[in-house]
Protein backbone atom coordinates (compact mmCIF):
# COMPACT_ATOMS: atom_id res chain seq x y z
CA UNK A 1 14.20 -15.69 -91.39
CA UNK A 2 13.04 -18.84 -89.63
CA UNK A 3 9.31 -18.61 -90.30
CA UNK A 4 9.29 -17.02 -93.75
CA UNK A 5 6.33 -19.08 -94.97
CA UNK A 6 4.34 -18.22 -91.84
CA UNK A 7 5.17 -14.54 -92.32
CA UNK A 8 4.02 -14.69 -95.96
CA UNK A 9 0.72 -16.32 -94.93
CA UNK A 10 0.11 -13.64 -92.27
CA UNK A 11 0.72 -10.91 -94.83
CA UNK A 12 -1.53 -12.63 -97.34
CA UNK A 13 -4.20 -12.92 -94.67
CA UNK A 14 -3.93 -9.15 -94.15
CA UNK A 15 -4.67 -8.58 -97.83
CA UNK A 16 -1.16 -8.28 -99.24
CA UNK A 17 -0.43 -10.13 -102.45
CA UNK A 18 1.90 -13.14 -102.51
CA UNK A 19 4.49 -11.20 -104.55
CA UNK A 20 4.49 -8.30 -102.07
CA UNK A 21 4.70 -10.69 -99.10
CA UNK A 22 7.70 -12.45 -100.69
CA UNK A 23 9.28 -9.04 -101.33
CA UNK A 24 8.82 -8.24 -97.61
CA UNK A 25 10.58 -11.47 -96.68
CA UNK A 26 13.42 -10.77 -99.11
CA UNK A 27 13.89 -7.25 -97.73
CA UNK A 28 13.81 -8.50 -94.13
CA UNK A 29 16.41 -11.15 -94.96
CA UNK A 30 18.71 -8.60 -96.60
CA UNK A 31 18.39 -6.20 -93.66
CA UNK A 32 19.02 -8.75 -90.95
CA UNK A 33 21.33 -11.17 -92.78
CA UNK A 34 24.62 -9.60 -91.69
CA UNK A 35 23.44 -8.42 -88.28
CA UNK A 36 22.24 -11.63 -86.66
CA UNK A 37 24.59 -13.81 -84.67
CA UNK A 38 24.75 -17.49 -85.54
CA UNK A 39 25.26 -20.29 -83.06
CA UNK A 40 28.84 -20.51 -84.30
CA UNK A 41 29.32 -16.77 -83.66
CA UNK A 42 28.04 -17.16 -80.10
CA UNK A 43 30.14 -20.28 -79.44
CA UNK A 44 33.22 -18.52 -80.82
CA UNK A 45 32.56 -15.51 -78.61
CA UNK A 46 32.05 -17.80 -75.62
CA UNK A 47 35.39 -19.49 -76.30
CA UNK A 48 37.16 -16.15 -76.63
CA UNK A 49 35.58 -14.84 -73.44
CA UNK A 50 36.49 -18.01 -71.58
CA UNK A 51 40.11 -17.70 -72.72
CA UNK A 52 40.26 -14.03 -71.76
CA UNK A 53 38.71 -14.71 -68.35
CA UNK A 54 41.25 -17.47 -67.67
CA UNK A 55 44.07 -15.16 -68.76
CA UNK A 56 42.73 -12.40 -66.55
CA UNK A 57 42.49 -14.83 -63.64
CA UNK A 58 46.10 -15.91 -64.12
CA UNK A 59 47.39 -12.34 -64.36
CA UNK A 60 45.27 -11.31 -61.37
CA UNK A 61 46.66 -14.18 -59.30
CA UNK A 62 50.19 -13.23 -60.28
CA UNK A 63 49.55 -9.61 -59.33
CA UNK A 64 48.06 -10.64 -55.98
CA UNK A 65 51.10 -12.82 -55.27
CA UNK A 66 53.41 -9.94 -56.17
CA UNK A 67 51.51 -7.58 -53.88
CA UNK A 68 51.51 -10.15 -51.07
CA UNK A 69 55.27 -10.44 -51.33
CA UNK A 70 55.62 -6.66 -51.36
CA UNK A 71 53.38 -6.33 -48.29
CA UNK A 72 55.32 -9.06 -46.47
CA UNK A 73 58.56 -7.26 -47.24
CA UNK A 74 57.13 -3.95 -46.03
CA UNK A 75 55.85 -5.54 -42.82
CA UNK A 76 59.27 -7.08 -42.16
CA UNK A 77 60.97 -3.70 -42.66
CA UNK A 78 58.42 -2.03 -40.40
CA UNK A 79 58.89 -4.65 -37.68
CA UNK A 80 62.67 -4.18 -37.91
CA UNK A 81 62.34 -0.40 -37.58
CA UNK A 82 59.96 -0.75 -34.63
CA UNK A 83 62.42 -3.09 -32.90
CA UNK A 84 65.23 -0.58 -33.46
CA UNK A 85 63.05 2.18 -31.98
CA UNK A 86 62.24 -0.02 -28.99
CA UNK A 87 65.97 -0.56 -28.37
CA UNK A 88 66.63 3.18 -28.61
CA UNK A 89 63.79 3.96 -26.20
CA UNK A 90 65.11 1.35 -23.75
CA UNK A 91 68.60 2.88 -23.90
CA UNK A 92 67.22 6.40 -23.44
CA UNK A 93 65.02 5.32 -20.53
CA UNK A 94 67.97 3.52 -18.94
CA UNK A 95 70.09 6.65 -19.32
CA UNK A 96 67.40 8.80 -17.72
CA UNK A 97 66.98 6.38 -14.80
CA UNK A 98 70.76 6.29 -14.30
CA UNK A 99 70.96 10.10 -14.29
CA UNK A 100 68.08 10.40 -11.84
CA UNK A 101 69.63 7.82 -9.48
CA UNK A 102 73.02 9.57 -9.74
CA UNK A 103 71.43 12.96 -9.06
CA UNK A 104 69.44 11.58 -6.13
CA UNK A 105 72.57 9.98 -4.68
CA UNK A 106 74.51 13.23 -5.06
CA UNK A 107 71.73 15.26 -3.46
CA UNK A 108 71.44 12.78 -0.56
CA UNK A 109 75.19 13.02 0.12
CA UNK A 110 75.03 16.81 0.16
CA UNK A 111 72.26 16.84 2.73
């Protein structure tokens, strides 16, 4: 405990004997000794977190790049399919126009 002497003086001022005040300090130290983080603990945790964040950033970037490539590939396939459909529609429309012109010509010759 950082201010053990101050704590003892406060307890003594409240009417507690020096021995009891020292016992309080000893008990408080035993209770909190293993549970408090030191500067080294915090620095170590900071280093670990920094490393994990960098690793996460790298793996996230790699995943984004992979997804970008997958999306690009999908878009290319979709564009190819749309172009094929456009060609088919053009051929079908051309066929329909040809049939209508042929039918109109036939009907005009019959009249």
